[in-house]
Structures are given as C-alpha cells and as structure tokens.
C-alpha cells in the first residue's frame, strides 16, 4: 500500500492551475477523481506523494491558489 496525499479544490480551474504550477516546479502530481470518502465541490483532485505535503501546501499558498483541504489517502 502506498501513502499519498490528495488536495481538494473548489473548482476544476484551480486544480488545473495547481497542476501546472506543481509540475513546473518538479513536484510529481496526478489528476484523480476526488475519492468518494472525501467531499469536495469539485470532482477532480490532485494526488501527490505524502512526503511532499509541506512543499505542495507551501507552493499553493505562495502562488495564491485556493484549495479546500489536504488529506492523507492510502491507495493500493
């Protein structure tokens, strides 16, 4: 089992902005459907390696990209 993080966003446009920013900075992220057990206004989330949590949150805040929450998420 791998340990990932999932960032939830209020809109698809914010997810896409965040993806572009993080990939451009060398952070491995992947667009994924928002897990059913987590609620979000947007059905798309960004998945990342949980070890990168601090970097991901700091980059999003610094860029002024709004996000709802960051959750740990186990995936097989």
C-alpha atoms as a PDB file:
ATOM      1  CA  UNK A   1       0.000   0.000   0.000  1.00  0.00           C
ATOM      2  CA  UNK A   2       1.328   3.445  -0.908  1.00  0.00           C
ATOM      3  CA  UNK A   3       0.778   6.614   1.090  1.00  0.00           C
ATOM      4  CA  UNK A   4      -0.434   9.558  -0.937  1.00  0.00           C
ATOM      5  CA  UNK A   5      -1.962  12.917  -0.270  1.00  0.00           C
ATOM      6  CA  UNK A   6      -4.971  14.365  -2.027  1.00  0.00           C
ATOM      7  CA  UNK A   7      -5.599  18.093  -2.413  1.00  0.00           C
ATOM      8  CA  UNK A   8      -9.254  19.113  -2.770  1.00  0.00           C
ATOM      9  CA  UNK A   9     -10.167  22.276  -4.666  1.00  0.00           C
ATOM     10  CA  UNK A  10     -13.357  24.315  -5.015  1.00  0.00           C
ATOM     11  CA  UNK A  11     -13.182  24.296  -8.833  1.00  0.00           C
ATOM     12  CA  UNK A  12     -11.669  22.480 -11.790  1.00  0.00           C
ATOM     13  CA  UNK A  13      -9.876  25.619 -12.975  1.00  0.00           C
ATOM     14  CA  UNK A  14      -7.996  25.808  -9.657  1.00  0.00           C
ATOM     15  CA  UNK A  15      -6.995  22.135  -9.916  1.00  0.00           C
ATOM     16  CA  UNK A  16      -5.573  22.755 -13.382  1.00  0.00           C
ATOM     17  CA  UNK A  17      -3.676  25.870 -12.238  1.00  0.00           C
ATOM     18  CA  UNK A  18      -2.224  23.930  -9.305  1.00  0.00           C
ATOM     19  CA  UNK A  19      -1.232  21.006 -11.512  1.00  0.00           C
ATOM     20  CA  UNK A  20       0.592  23.303 -13.932  1.00  0.00           C
ATOM     21  CA  UNK A  21       2.381  25.111 -11.089  1.00  0.00           C
ATOM     22  CA  UNK A  22       3.493  21.983  -9.240  1.00  0.00           C
ATOM     23  CA  UNK A  23       4.635  20.098 -12.332  1.00  0.00           C
ATOM     24  CA  UNK A  24       6.536  23.208 -13.425  1.00  0.00           C
ATOM     25  CA  UNK A  25       8.339  23.184 -10.060  1.00  0.00           C
ATOM     26  CA  UNK A  26       9.226  19.489 -10.386  1.00  0.00           C
ATOM     27  CA  UNK A  27       6.658  18.066  -7.973  1.00  0.00           C
ATOM     28  CA  UNK A  28       5.083  14.799  -9.146  1.00  0.00           C
ATOM     29  CA  UNK A  29       1.293  15.175  -9.109  1.00  0.00           C
ATOM     30  CA  UNK A  30      -1.552  13.403 -10.843  1.00  0.00           C
ATOM     31  CA  UNK A  31      -5.135  14.450 -11.553  1.00  0.00           C
ATOM     32  CA  UNK A  32      -7.501  11.911  -9.984  1.00  0.00           C
ATOM     33  CA  UNK A  33     -11.226  11.718  -9.289  1.00  0.00           C
ATOM     34  CA  UNK A  34     -11.943  13.000  -5.790  1.00  0.00           C
ATOM     35  CA  UNK A  35     -12.196   9.932  -3.533  1.00  0.00           C
ATOM     36  CA  UNK A  36     -15.801   9.204  -2.559  1.00  0.00           C
ATOM     37  CA  UNK A  37     -14.997   9.178   1.139  1.00  0.00           C
ATOM     38  CA  UNK A  38     -13.820  12.792   0.878  1.00  0.00           C
ATOM     39  CA  UNK A  39     -16.222  15.549  -0.010  1.00  0.00           C
ATOM     40  CA  UNK A  40     -15.461  18.402  -2.383  1.00  0.00           C
ATOM     41  CA  UNK A  41     -17.311  20.817  -4.608  1.00  0.00           C
ATOM     42  CA  UNK A  42     -15.049  19.667  -7.421  1.00  0.00           C
ATOM     43  CA  UNK A  43     -14.901  16.067  -8.663  1.00  0.00           C
ATOM     44  CA  UNK A  44     -11.187  16.274  -9.531  1.00  0.00           C
ATOM     45  CA  UNK A  45      -8.284  16.337  -7.079  1.00  0.00           C
ATOM     46  CA  UNK A  46      -4.502  16.296  -7.178  1.00  0.00           C
ATOM     47  CA  UNK A  47      -2.693  13.261  -5.822  1.00  0.00           C
ATOM     48  CA  UNK A  48       0.901  13.568  -4.611  1.00  0.00           C
ATOM     49  CA  UNK A  49       3.435  11.662  -2.535  1.00  0.00           C
ATOM     50  CA  UNK A  50       2.587  12.339   1.129  1.00  0.00           C
ATOM     51  CA  UNK A  51       6.260  13.082   1.834  1.00  0.00           C
ATOM     52  CA  UNK A  52       5.854  16.219  -0.341  1.00  0.00           C
ATOM     53  CA  UNK A  53       2.936  17.591   1.705  1.00  0.00           C
ATOM     54  CA  UNK A  54       4.771  20.604   3.126  1.00  0.00           C
ATOM     55  CA  UNK A  55       6.190  21.579  -0.250  1.00  0.00           C
ATOM     56  CA  UNK A  56       2.824  21.216  -2.001  1.00  0.00           C
ATOM     57  CA  UNK A  57       0.942  23.306   0.563  1.00  0.00           C
ATOM     58  CA  UNK A  58       3.645  25.998   0.658  1.00  0.00           C
ATOM     59  CA  UNK A  59       3.754  26.318  -3.142  1.00  0.00           C
ATOM     60  CA  UNK A  60      -0.027  26.573  -3.429  1.00  0.00           C
ATOM     61  CA  UNK A  61      -0.220  29.213  -0.696  1.00  0.00           C
ATOM     62  CA  UNK A  62       2.682  31.195  -2.149  1.00  0.00           C
ATOM     63  CA  UNK A  63       1.028  31.200  -5.578  1.00  0.00           C
ATOM     64  CA  UNK A  64      -2.323  32.224  -4.072  1.00  0.00           C
ATOM     65  CA  UNK A  65      -4.093  29.112  -5.379  1.00  0.00           C
ATOM     66  CA  UNK A  66      -7.122  28.409  -3.200  1.00  0.00           C
ATOM     67  CA  UNK A  67      -7.659  24.843  -2.010  1.00  0.00           C
ATOM     68  CA  UNK A  68     -10.195  23.307   0.345  1.00  0.00           C
ATOM     69  CA  UNK A  69      -8.150  20.673   2.172  1.00  0.00           C
ATOM     70  CA  UNK A  70      -5.226  18.280   2.079  1.00  0.00           C
ATOM     71  CA  UNK A  71      -5.918  14.700   3.172  1.00  0.00           C
ATOM     72  CA  UNK A  72      -3.757  11.599   3.504  1.00  0.00           C
ATOM     73  CA  UNK A  73      -5.048   8.837   1.242  1.00  0.00           C
ATOM     74  CA  UNK A  74      -3.953   5.216   1.070  1.00  0.00           C
ATOM     75  CA  UNK A  75      -4.040   3.652  -2.356  1.00  0.00           C
ATOM     76  CA  UNK A  76      -3.172   0.133  -3.416  1.00  0.00           C
END
